[in-house]
Amino acid sequence: MKYLSFSVEGRSSFGAVFGSQIVDLGARFTEVRDLREFIQIRAYEQPLVDKLAGASDYNLDEVEFLPTVPNPEKIVCIGVNYANRNAEYKDGSEEPEYPSVFMRSRESLVGHREAILDPPESDQLDYEGEIVLVIGKEGRRIPESEVHHYVAGTSIMNEGSVRDFLRHAKFNVTQGKNFEKSGSLGPWMVTADELNPFDEMQVITTVNGEERQNDVTTNLMFSFRYLVSYLSTFFRLKPGDLIATGTPNGAGARFDPPRFLKPQDRVEVRVPGVGTLENSIVNEEA
């Protein structure tokens, strides 16, 4: 099943996707405020939603996509997780013992088909296509063997970076990862019963139709199971929390000369079995 968050007719809601049609679950489950709460009560697992197949409230082209989970408690991001990308740094370093972890704010992400903003403070806006795990069950110190019980499904992120701001401080990347509307999340979540996130998955990023990134999760240094288990060592993972699992090599900063994003560029991040996240780039007004 695919679930999305959207706005239409001046209100925000969430729904199930059947082909090109949306069933407005927010209008049917009025006691549930949003997709995060729908995940929290594990309603996404209930077969009653399947009974809505064939119903239709909106076409996908009639709504404004919101980030899949617009209000997660935590957006946790993993840096340099594909082995090929670690080698891309050409610094002679061996594979790390533990993953690099940083956080994003809700305000740093927009939905599918919404414009990503290129900030006036920098000319180094970059793309990073990533697979996102959506947590479905609260947990702490989760064994790797039990992780599949805690993942509701997968989504897609363009984990946009403002590269020069990543280097403003010695021990963090927070500044360059949290410009308002500098990344995106969507178009929806595909539940784990429809697409097993622990099988091999692929992520492909194109800019204006040109392929820039293409890799598979068997090349991860830290598997999805390990990441959830490791993060739950110190975080209490909650339903609706998001884990962006890392980007392959091929980001704009790694070209010579670098190929950063410009207004009117169009970025697509495709994960077979999930879908395609599309966004255009526009200048942010100072």
C-alpha atoms as a PDB file:
ATOM      1  CA  MET A   1       0.000   0.000   0.000  1.00  0.00           C
ATOM      2  CA  LYS A   2       1.101   3.567  -0.705  1.00  0.00           C
ATOM      3  CA  TYR A   3       0.295   6.363   1.740  1.00  0.00           C
ATOM      4  CA  LEU A   4       0.862  10.069   1.207  1.00  0.00           C
ATOM      5  CA  SER A   5       0.257  13.435   2.847  1.00  0.00           C
ATOM      6  CA  PHE A   6      -1.287  16.198   0.758  1.00  0.00           C
ATOM      7  CA  SER A   7      -3.177  19.457   0.809  1.00  0.00           C
ATOM      8  CA  VAL A   8      -6.298  20.220  -1.198  1.00  0.00           C
ATOM      9  CA  GLU A   9      -9.116  22.730  -1.020  1.00  0.00           C
ATOM     10  CA  GLY A  10      -7.365  24.664   1.732  1.00  0.00           C
ATOM     11  CA  ARG A  11      -6.845  21.754   4.125  1.00  0.00           C
ATOM     12  CA  SER A  12      -4.158  19.179   4.842  1.00  0.00           C
ATOM     13  CA  SER A  13      -4.907  15.468   4.857  1.00  0.00           C
ATOM     14  CA  PHE A  14      -3.429  12.037   4.199  1.00  0.00           C
ATOM     15  CA  GLY A  15      -4.517   9.216   1.973  1.00  0.00           C
ATOM     16  CA  ALA A  16      -3.998   5.875   0.283  1.00  0.00           C
ATOM     17  CA  VAL A  17      -2.909   5.733  -3.363  1.00  0.00           C
ATOM     18  CA  PHE A  18      -4.537   3.335  -5.820  1.00  0.00           C
ATOM     19  CA  GLY A  19      -3.000   3.844  -9.246  1.00  0.00           C
ATOM     20  CA  SER A  20      -3.483   7.538 -10.016  1.00  0.00           C
ATOM     21  CA  GLN A  21      -6.294   7.940  -7.490  1.00  0.00           C
ATOM     22  CA  ILE A  22      -6.225   9.063  -3.856  1.00  0.00           C
ATOM     23  CA  VAL A  23      -8.615   7.874  -1.180  1.00  0.00           C
ATOM     24  CA  ASP A  24      -8.808  10.647   1.422  1.00  0.00           C
ATOM     25  CA  LEU A  25      -8.254   8.802   4.702  1.00  0.00           C
ATOM     26  CA  GLY A  26      -8.241  12.011   6.685  1.00  0.00           C
ATOM     27  CA  ALA A  27     -11.883  12.528   5.711  1.00  0.00           C
ATOM     28  CA  ARG A  28     -12.783   8.940   6.618  1.00  0.00           C
ATOM     29  CA  PHE A  29     -10.759   8.509   9.815  1.00  0.00           C
ATOM     30  CA  THR A  30     -11.666  11.837  11.376  1.00  0.00           C
ATOM     31  CA  GLU A  31     -10.284  10.867  14.782  1.00  0.00           C
ATOM     32  CA  VAL A  32      -6.787  10.525  13.233  1.00  0.00           C
ATOM     33  CA  ARG A  33      -5.024  13.841  12.701  1.00  0.00           C
ATOM     34  CA  ASP A  34      -2.292  12.938  10.217  1.00  0.00           C
ATOM     35  CA  LEU A  35      -0.220  10.184   8.654  1.00  0.00           C
ATOM     36  CA  ARG A  36       2.155  10.076  11.616  1.00  0.00           C
ATOM     37  CA  GLU A  37      -0.742   9.289  13.942  1.00  0.00           C
ATOM     38  CA  PHE A  38      -2.142   6.796  11.404  1.00  0.00           C
ATOM     39  CA  ILE A  39       1.220   5.019  11.537  1.00  0.00           C
ATOM     40  CA  GLN A  40       1.338   5.274  15.325  1.00  0.00           C
ATOM     41  CA  ILE A  41      -1.937   3.389  15.772  1.00  0.00           C
ATOM     42  CA  ARG A  42      -0.742   0.912  13.120  1.00  0.00           C
ATOM     43  CA  ALA A  43      -3.882   1.472  11.070  1.00  0.00           C
ATOM     44  CA  TYR A  44      -1.764   1.177   7.914  1.00  0.00           C
ATOM     45  CA  GLU A  45      -1.526  -2.564   8.622  1.00  0.00           C
ATOM     46  CA  GLN A  46      -5.275  -3.103   8.784  1.00  0.00           C
ATOM     47  CA  PRO A  47      -7.021  -4.804   5.854  1.00  0.00           C
ATOM     48  CA  LEU A  48      -9.914  -2.343   6.094  1.00  0.00           C
ATOM     49  CA  VAL A  49      -7.918   0.069   3.953  1.00  0.00           C
ATOM     50  CA  ASP A  50      -7.809  -2.524   1.168  1.00  0.00           C
ATOM     51  CA  LYS A  51     -11.599  -2.434   1.129  1.00  0.00           C
ATOM     52  CA  LEU A  52     -11.339   1.140  -0.113  1.00  0.00           C
ATOM     53  CA  ALA A  53      -9.724   0.026  -3.376  1.00  0.00           C
ATOM     54  CA  GLY A  54     -11.817   1.354  -6.220  1.00  0.00           C
ATOM     55  CA  ALA A  55     -12.900   4.401  -4.257  1.00  0.00           C
ATOM     56  CA  SER A  56     -11.541   7.769  -5.356  1.00  0.00           C
ATOM     57  CA  ASP A  57     -11.623  11.248  -3.887  1.00  0.00           C
ATOM     58  CA  TYR A  58      -8.879  12.957  -5.881  1.00  0.00           C
ATOM     59  CA  ASN A  59      -6.536  12.371  -8.765  1.00  0.00           C
ATOM     60  CA  LEU A  60      -2.830  12.703  -8.005  1.00  0.00           C
ATOM     61  CA  ASP A  61      -2.727  15.771 -10.262  1.00  0.00           C
ATOM     62  CA  GLU A  62      -5.407  17.531  -8.211  1.00  0.00           C
ATOM     63  CA  VAL A  63      -3.494  17.792  -4.930  1.00  0.00           C
ATOM     64  CA  GLU A  64      -0.365  19.448  -3.569  1.00  0.00           C
ATOM     65  CA  PHE A  65       2.029  16.848  -2.217  1.00  0.00           C
ATOM     66  CA  LEU A  66       3.348  17.404   1.287  1.00  0.00           C
ATOM     67  CA  PRO A  67       6.446  15.675   2.676  1.00  0.00           C
ATOM     68  CA  THR A  68       5.418  12.058   3.264  1.00  0.00           C
ATOM     69  CA  VAL A  69       5.404  12.554   7.031  1.00  0.00           C
ATOM     70  CA  PRO A  70       5.172  16.351   7.428  1.00  0.00           C
ATOM     71  CA  ASN A  71       5.705  16.364  11.191  1.00  0.00           C
ATOM     72  CA  PRO A  72       8.136  13.630  12.227  1.00  0.00           C
ATOM     73  CA  GLU A  73       9.593  13.842  15.681  1.00  0.00           C
ATOM     74  CA  LYS A  74      13.030  13.006  14.286  1.00  0.00           C
ATOM     75  CA  ILE A  75      14.662  13.195  10.857  1.00  0.00           C
ATOM     76  CA  VAL A  76      17.894  11.242  11.195  1.00  0.00           C
ATOM     77  CA  CYS A  77      20.376  11.263   8.317  1.00  0.00           C
ATOM     78  CA  ILE A  78      23.331   8.995   7.616  1.00  0.00           C
ATOM     79  CA  GLY A  79      26.406  10.335   5.874  1.00  0.00           C
ATOM     80  CA  VAL A  80      28.776   8.505   3.510  1.00  0.00           C
ATOM     81  CA  ASN A  81      27.130   5.082   3.721  1.00  0.00           C
ATOM     82  CA  TYR A  82      27.812   3.637   0.249  1.00  0.00           C
ATOM     83  CA  ALA A  83      31.266   2.077  -0.094  1.00  0.00           C
ATOM     84  CA  ASN A  84      31.784   3.683  -3.494  1.00  0.00           C
ATOM     85  CA  ARG A  85      31.106   7.096  -1.990  1.00  0.00           C
ATOM     86  CA  ASN A  86      33.612   6.541   0.807  1.00  0.00           C
ATOM     87  CA  ALA A  87      36.201   5.795  -1.889  1.00  0.00           C
ATOM     88  CA  GLU A  88      35.050   8.905  -3.785  1.00  0.00           C
ATOM     89  CA  TYR A  89      36.597  11.127  -1.092  1.00  0.00           C
ATOM     90  CA  LYS A  90      40.051   9.844  -2.126  1.00  0.00           C
ATOM     91  CA  ASP A  91      41.434  10.550   1.334  1.00  0.00           C
ATOM     92  CA  GLY A  92      42.873   7.076   1.853  1.00  0.00           C
ATOM     93  CA  SER A  93      40.539   6.399   4.750  1.00  0.00           C
ATOM     94  CA  GLU A  94      39.328   2.913   5.530  1.00  0.00           C
ATOM     95  CA  GLU A  95      35.662   2.101   5.918  1.00  0.00           C
ATOM     96  CA  PRO A  96      34.400   3.630   9.178  1.00  0.00           C
ATOM     97  CA  GLU A  97      33.574   1.546  12.233  1.00  0.00           C
ATOM     98  CA  TYR A  98      30.339   3.442  12.925  1.00  0.00           C
ATOM     99  CA  PRO A  99      27.976   5.500  10.752  1.00  0.00           C
ATOM    100  CA  SER A 100      28.059   9.287  10.550  1.00  0.00           C
ATOM    101  CA  VAL A 101      24.800  10.686  11.939  1.00  0.00           C
ATOM    102  CA  PHE A 102      23.221  14.140  11.710  1.00  0.00           C
ATOM    103  CA  MET A 103      19.748  15.654  11.927  1.00  0.00           C
ATOM    104  CA  ARG A 104      17.482  17.704   9.676  1.00  0.00           C
ATOM    105  CA  SER A 105      14.564  19.948  10.572  1.00  0.00           C
ATOM    106  CA  ARG A 106      11.057  19.545   9.171  1.00  0.00           C
ATOM    107  CA  GLU A 107      11.295  22.993   7.581  1.00  0.00           C
ATOM    108  CA  SER A 108      14.269  21.921   5.464  1.00  0.00           C
ATOM    109  CA  LEU A 109      12.085  19.609   3.332  1.00  0.00           C
ATOM    110  CA  VAL A 110       9.355  20.149   0.759  1.00  0.00           C
ATOM    111  CA  GLY A 111       7.037  17.660  -0.914  1.00  0.00           C
ATOM    112  CA  HIS A 112       7.047  15.999  -4.314  1.00  0.00           C
ATOM    113  CA  ARG A 113       6.746  18.504  -7.187  1.00  0.00           C
ATOM    114  CA  GLU A 114       7.277  21.476  -4.862  1.00  0.00           C
ATOM    115  CA  ALA A 115      10.176  23.810  -5.622  1.00  0.00           C
ATOM    116  CA  ILE A 116      13.457  23.444  -3.753  1.00  0.00           C
ATOM    117  CA  LEU A 117      14.924  26.825  -2.853  1.00  0.00           C
ATOM    118  CA  ASP A 118      18.443  27.858  -3.887  1.00  0.00           C
ATOM    119  CA  PRO A 119      19.510  30.249  -1.091  1.00  0.00           C
ATOM    120  CA  PRO A 120      21.095  33.619  -1.893  1.00  0.00           C
ATOM    121  CA  GLU A 121      23.901  32.996   0.624  1.00  0.00           C
ATOM    122  CA  SER A 122      25.492  30.271  -1.511  1.00  0.00           C
ATOM    123  CA  ASP A 123      25.947  29.024  -5.063  1.00  0.00           C
ATOM    124  CA  GLN A 124      26.662  25.449  -3.922  1.00  0.00           C
ATOM    125  CA  LEU A 125      23.231  23.818  -3.591  1.00  0.00           C
ATOM    126  CA  ASP A 126      23.677  20.096  -4.247  1.00  0.00           C
ATOM    127  CA  TYR A 127      21.468  17.004  -4.613  1.00  0.00           C
ATOM    128  CA  GLU A 128      21.652  13.690  -2.728  1.00  0.00           C
ATOM    129  CA  GLY A 129      19.204  10.926  -3.628  1.00  0.00           C
ATOM    130  CA  GLU A 130      18.404   8.633  -0.703  1.00  0.00           C
ATOM    131  CA  ILE A 131      16.113   5.840   0.431  1.00  0.00           C
ATOM    132  CA  VAL A 132      14.205   6.699   3.605  1.00  0.00           C
ATOM    133  CA  LEU A 133      13.022   4.274   6.264  1.00  0.00           C
ATOM    134  CA  VAL A 134       9.795   5.238   8.035  1.00  0.00           C
ATOM    135  CA  ILE A 135       9.601   3.913  11.579  1.00  0.00           C
ATOM    136  CA  GLY A 136       6.302   2.219  12.429  1.00  0.00           C
ATOM    137  CA  LYS A 137       6.712   1.141  16.040  1.00  0.00           C
ATOM    138  CA  GLU A 138       8.313   2.686  19.119  1.00  0.00           C
ATOM    139  CA  GLY A 139      11.519   0.994  20.181  1.00  0.00           C
ATOM    140  CA  ARG A 140      14.798   1.264  22.019  1.00  0.00           C
ATOM    141  CA  ARG A 141      17.823  -1.059  21.788  1.00  0.00           C
ATOM    142  CA  ILE A 142      16.251  -3.009  18.944  1.00  0.00           C
ATOM    143  CA  PRO A 143      18.149  -6.178  17.949  1.00  0.00           C
ATOM    144  CA  GLU A 144      18.989  -6.395  14.250  1.00  0.00           C
ATOM    145  CA  SER A 145      16.968  -9.609  14.056  1.00  0.00           C
ATOM    146  CA  GLU A 146      13.840  -7.699  15.162  1.00  0.00           C
ATOM    147  CA  VAL A 147      14.215  -4.531  13.064  1.00  0.00           C
ATOM    148  CA  HIS A 148      11.653  -5.625  10.468  1.00  0.00           C
ATOM    149  CA  HIS A 149       8.942  -5.304  13.131  1.00  0.00           C
ATOM    150  CA  TYR A 150       9.760  -1.606  13.559  1.00  0.00           C
ATOM    151  CA  VAL A 151       9.853  -0.351   9.947  1.00  0.00           C
ATOM    152  CA  ALA A 152       6.522   0.721   8.433  1.00  0.00           C
ATOM    153  CA  GLY A 153       7.878   1.294   4.948  1.00  0.00           C
ATOM    154  CA  THR A 154      10.109   3.326   2.661  1.00  0.00           C
ATOM    155  CA  SER A 155      10.046   6.736   1.029  1.00  0.00           C
ATOM    156  CA  ILE A 156      12.527   8.867  -0.952  1.00  0.00           C
ATOM    157  CA  MET A 157      14.527  11.970  -0.071  1.00  0.00           C
ATOM    158  CA  ASN A 158      16.556  14.480  -2.014  1.00  0.00           C
ATOM    159  CA  GLU A 159      18.773  15.233   0.966  1.00  0.00           C
ATOM    160  CA  GLY A 160      19.857  18.587  -0.428  1.00  0.00           C
ATOM    161  CA  SER A 161      23.083  20.144   0.833  1.00  0.00           C
ATOM    162  CA  VAL A 162      24.526  23.632   0.741  1.00  0.00           C
ATOM    163  CA  ARG A 163      28.125  22.528   0.420  1.00  0.00           C
ATOM    164  CA  ASP A 164      30.114  25.539   1.589  1.00  0.00           C
ATOM    165  CA  PHE A 165      27.974  25.809   4.737  1.00  0.00           C
ATOM    166  CA  LEU A 166      28.846  22.186   5.553  1.00  0.00           C
ATOM    167  CA  ARG A 167      32.393  23.420   6.197  1.00  0.00           C
ATOM    168  CA  HIS A 168      31.553  26.341   8.479  1.00  0.00           C
ATOM    169  CA  ALA A 169      32.483  24.356  11.584  1.00  0.00           C
ATOM    170  CA  LYS A 170      34.892  21.567  12.424  1.00  0.00           C
ATOM    171  CA  PHE A 171      32.604  18.991  14.005  1.00  0.00           C
ATOM    172  CA  ASN A 172      29.195  19.278  12.345  1.00  0.00           C
ATOM    173  CA  VAL A 173      27.319  19.664   9.061  1.00  0.00           C
ATOM    174  CA  THR A 174      24.099  21.040  10.526  1.00  0.00           C
ATOM    175  CA  GLN A 175      24.248  24.431   8.817  1.00  0.00           C
ATOM    176  CA  GLY A 176      24.514  23.080   5.286  1.00  0.00           C
ATOM    177  CA  LYS A 177      21.794  20.477   5.834  1.00  0.00           C
ATOM    178  CA  ASN A 178      19.064  22.708   7.205  1.00  0.00           C
ATOM    179  CA  PHE A 179      18.458  25.622   4.873  1.00  0.00           C
ATOM    180  CA  GLU A 180      14.718  26.092   4.587  1.00  0.00           C
ATOM    181  CA  LYS A 181      13.201  24.061   1.740  1.00  0.00           C
ATOM    182  CA  SER A 182      16.619  22.878   0.547  1.00  0.00           C
ATOM    183  CA  GLY A 183      15.592  19.220   0.213  1.00  0.00           C
ATOM    184  CA  SER A 184      12.509  17.121  -0.446  1.00  0.00           C
ATOM    185  CA  LEU A 185      10.664  14.018   0.731  1.00  0.00           C
ATOM    186  CA  GLY A 186       8.072  11.936  -1.092  1.00  0.00           C
ATOM    187  CA  PRO A 187       6.058  11.210  -3.040  1.00  0.00           C
ATOM    188  CA  TRP A 188       4.674   8.647  -0.585  1.00  0.00           C
ATOM    189  CA  MET A 189       5.480   5.745   1.717  1.00  0.00           C
ATOM    190  CA  VAL A 190       5.330   2.197   0.384  1.00  0.00           C
ATOM    191  CA  THR A 191       4.559  -0.252   3.182  1.00  0.00           C
ATOM    192  CA  ALA A 192       6.994  -3.014   4.018  1.00  0.00           C
ATOM    193  CA  ASP A 193       4.473  -5.725   3.136  1.00  0.00           C
ATOM    194  CA  GLU A 194       4.418  -4.413  -0.454  1.00  0.00           C
ATOM    195  CA  LEU A 195       8.147  -3.729  -0.809  1.00  0.00           C
ATOM    196  CA  ASN A 196      10.585  -5.403   1.569  1.00  0.00           C
ATOM    197  CA  PRO A 197      13.183  -2.749   2.446  1.00  0.00           C
ATOM    198  CA  PHE A 198      15.640  -5.446   3.485  1.00  0.00           C
ATOM    199  CA  ASP A 199      15.876  -6.854  -0.022  1.00  0.00           C
ATOM    200  CA  GLU A 200      18.223  -5.186  -2.501  1.00  0.00           C
ATOM    201  CA  MET A 201      16.980  -1.715  -3.438  1.00  0.00           C
ATOM    202  CA  GLN A 202      18.288   0.761  -6.001  1.00  0.00           C
ATOM    203  CA  VAL A 203      18.439   4.563  -5.970  1.00  0.00           C
ATOM    204  CA  ILE A 204      18.943   6.634  -9.144  1.00  0.00           C
ATOM    205  CA  THR A 205      19.261  10.422  -9.334  1.00  0.00           C
ATOM    206  CA  THR A 206      19.000  12.455 -12.527  1.00  0.00           C
ATOM    207  CA  VAL A 207      19.420  16.179 -13.134  1.00  0.00           C
ATOM    208  CA  ASN A 208      17.631  17.477 -16.226  1.00  0.00           C
ATOM    209  CA  GLY A 209      17.385  13.869 -17.399  1.00  0.00           C
ATOM    210  CA  GLU A 210      21.109  13.140 -17.009  1.00  0.00           C
ATOM    211  CA  GLU A 211      21.900  10.256 -14.668  1.00  0.00           C
ATOM    212  CA  ARG A 212      24.207  11.369 -11.849  1.00  0.00           C
ATOM    213  CA  GLN A 213      23.764   8.687  -9.159  1.00  0.00           C
ATOM    214  CA  ASN A 214      22.988   4.968  -9.398  1.00  0.00           C
ATOM    215  CA  ASP A 215      23.719   2.361  -6.724  1.00  0.00           C
ATOM    216  CA  VAL A 216      22.163  -0.525  -4.797  1.00  0.00           C
ATOM    217  CA  THR A 217      21.791  -1.149  -1.091  1.00  0.00           C
ATOM    218  CA  THR A 218      23.986  -4.251  -1.180  1.00  0.00           C
ATOM    219  CA  ASN A 219      26.838  -1.716  -1.419  1.00  0.00           C
ATOM    220  CA  LEU A 220      25.945  -0.056   1.880  1.00  0.00           C
ATOM    221  CA  MET A 221      28.629  -0.076   4.554  1.00  0.00           C
ATOM    222  CA  PHE A 222      25.890  -0.063   7.202  1.00  0.00           C
ATOM    223  CA  SER A 223      22.775  -2.050   6.355  1.00  0.00           C
ATOM    224  CA  PHE A 224      19.253  -0.879   7.092  1.00  0.00           C
ATOM    225  CA  ARG A 225      18.978  -3.439   9.872  1.00  0.00           C
ATOM    226  CA  TYR A 226      22.198  -2.240  11.452  1.00  0.00           C
ATOM    227  CA  LEU A 227      21.212   1.432  11.182  1.00  0.00           C
ATOM    228  CA  VAL A 228      17.882   0.999  12.966  1.00  0.00           C
ATOM    229  CA  SER A 229      19.492  -1.129  15.670  1.00  0.00           C
ATOM    230  CA  TYR A 230      22.418   1.259  16.133  1.00  0.00           C
ATOM    231  CA  LEU A 231      20.281   4.412  16.211  1.00  0.00           C
ATOM    232  CA  SER A 232      17.916   2.833  18.726  1.00  0.00           C
ATOM    233  CA  THR A 233      20.866   2.458  21.095  1.00  0.00           C
ATOM    234  CA  PHE A 234      20.652   6.162  21.939  1.00  0.00           C
ATOM    235  CA  PHE A 235      17.371   7.331  20.329  1.00  0.00           C
ATOM    236  CA  ARG A 236      13.947   6.135  21.321  1.00  0.00           C
ATOM    237  CA  LEU A 237      12.627   5.632  17.805  1.00  0.00           C
ATOM    238  CA  LYS A 238       9.000   6.686  17.392  1.00  0.00           C
ATOM    239  CA  PRO A 239       6.328   6.008  14.751  1.00  0.00           C
ATOM    240  CA  GLY A 240       6.775   8.436  11.876  1.00  0.00           C
ATOM    241  CA  ASP A 241      10.475   9.017  12.541  1.00  0.00           C
ATOM    242  CA  LEU A 242      12.509   9.142   9.336  1.00  0.00           C
ATOM    243  CA  ILE A 243      15.938   7.673   8.636  1.00  0.00           C
ATOM    244  CA  ALA A 244      17.637   8.882   5.452  1.00  0.00           C
ATOM    245  CA  THR A 245      20.063   6.061   4.773  1.00  0.00           C
ATOM    246  CA  GLY A 246      22.827   7.756   2.775  1.00  0.00           C
ATOM    247  CA  THR A 247      23.489   8.786  -0.816  1.00  0.00           C
ATOM    248  CA  PRO A 248      25.609   7.105  -3.528  1.00  0.00           C
ATOM    249  CA  ASN A 249      28.548   8.731  -5.248  1.00  0.00           C
ATOM    250  CA  GLY A 250      27.900  11.209  -8.049  1.00  0.00           C
ATOM    251  CA  ALA A 251      26.771  14.299  -6.138  1.00  0.00           C
ATOM    252  CA  GLY A 252      27.528  17.585  -7.895  1.00  0.00           C
ATOM    253  CA  ALA A 253      30.381  18.475  -5.537  1.00  0.00           C
ATOM    254  CA  ARG A 254      32.368  15.461  -6.715  1.00  0.00           C
ATOM    255  CA  PHE A 255      32.630  16.551 -10.346  1.00  0.00           C
ATOM    256  CA  ASP A 256      35.628  18.538 -11.603  1.00  0.00           C
ATOM    257  CA  PRO A 257      34.587  21.273 -11.846  1.00  0.00           C
ATOM    258  CA  PRO A 258      31.624  20.852  -9.451  1.00  0.00           C
ATOM    259  CA  ARG A 259      28.144  20.762 -10.967  1.00  0.00           C
ATOM    260  CA  PHE A 260      25.901  22.441  -8.441  1.00  0.00           C
ATOM    261  CA  LEU A 261      22.199  23.011  -8.964  1.00  0.00           C
ATOM    262  CA  LYS A 262      20.853  26.129 -10.655  1.00  0.00           C
ATOM    263  CA  PRO A 263      17.379  27.647 -10.998  1.00  0.00           C
ATOM    264  CA  GLN A 264      15.218  25.789 -13.543  1.00  0.00           C
ATOM    265  CA  ASP A 265      17.149  22.545 -12.963  1.00  0.00           C
ATOM    266  CA  ARG A 266      14.928  19.516 -12.422  1.00  0.00           C
ATOM    267  CA  VAL A 267      16.018  16.757 -10.058  1.00  0.00           C
ATOM    268  CA  GLU A 268      14.425  13.303 -10.013  1.00  0.00           C
ATOM    269  CA  VAL A 269      15.249  10.607  -7.480  1.00  0.00           C
ATOM    270  CA  ARG A 270      13.873   7.197  -8.453  1.00  0.00           C
ATOM    271  CA  VAL A 271      13.702   4.094  -6.292  1.00  0.00           C
ATOM    272  CA  PRO A 272      12.201   1.168  -8.223  1.00  0.00           C
ATOM    273  CA  GLY A 273       9.247  -0.209  -6.321  1.00  0.00           C
ATOM    274  CA  VAL A 274       8.716   3.074  -4.478  1.00  0.00           C
ATOM    275  CA  GLY A 275       8.422   5.737  -7.166  1.00  0.00           C
ATOM    276  CA  THR A 276      10.049   8.967  -8.339  1.00  0.00           C
ATOM    277  CA  LEU A 277      10.505  12.147  -6.322  1.00  0.00           C
ATOM    278  CA  GLU A 278      10.579  15.195  -8.621  1.00  0.00           C
ATOM    279  CA  ASN A 279      11.506  18.784  -7.802  1.00  0.00           C
ATOM    280  CA  SER A 280      12.554  21.890  -9.669  1.00  0.00           C
ATOM    281  CA  ILE A 281      15.005  24.484  -8.355  1.00  0.00           C
ATOM    282  CA  VAL A 282      14.100  28.143  -7.910  1.00  0.00           C
ATOM    283  CA  ASN A 283      15.915  31.104  -6.393  1.00  0.00           C
ATOM    284  CA  GLU A 284      14.973  31.927  -2.829  1.00  0.00           C
ATOM    285  CA  GLU A 285      14.298  35.598  -2.327  1.00  0.00           C
ATOM    286  CA  ALA A 286      16.521  37.162   0.322  1.00  0.00           C
END
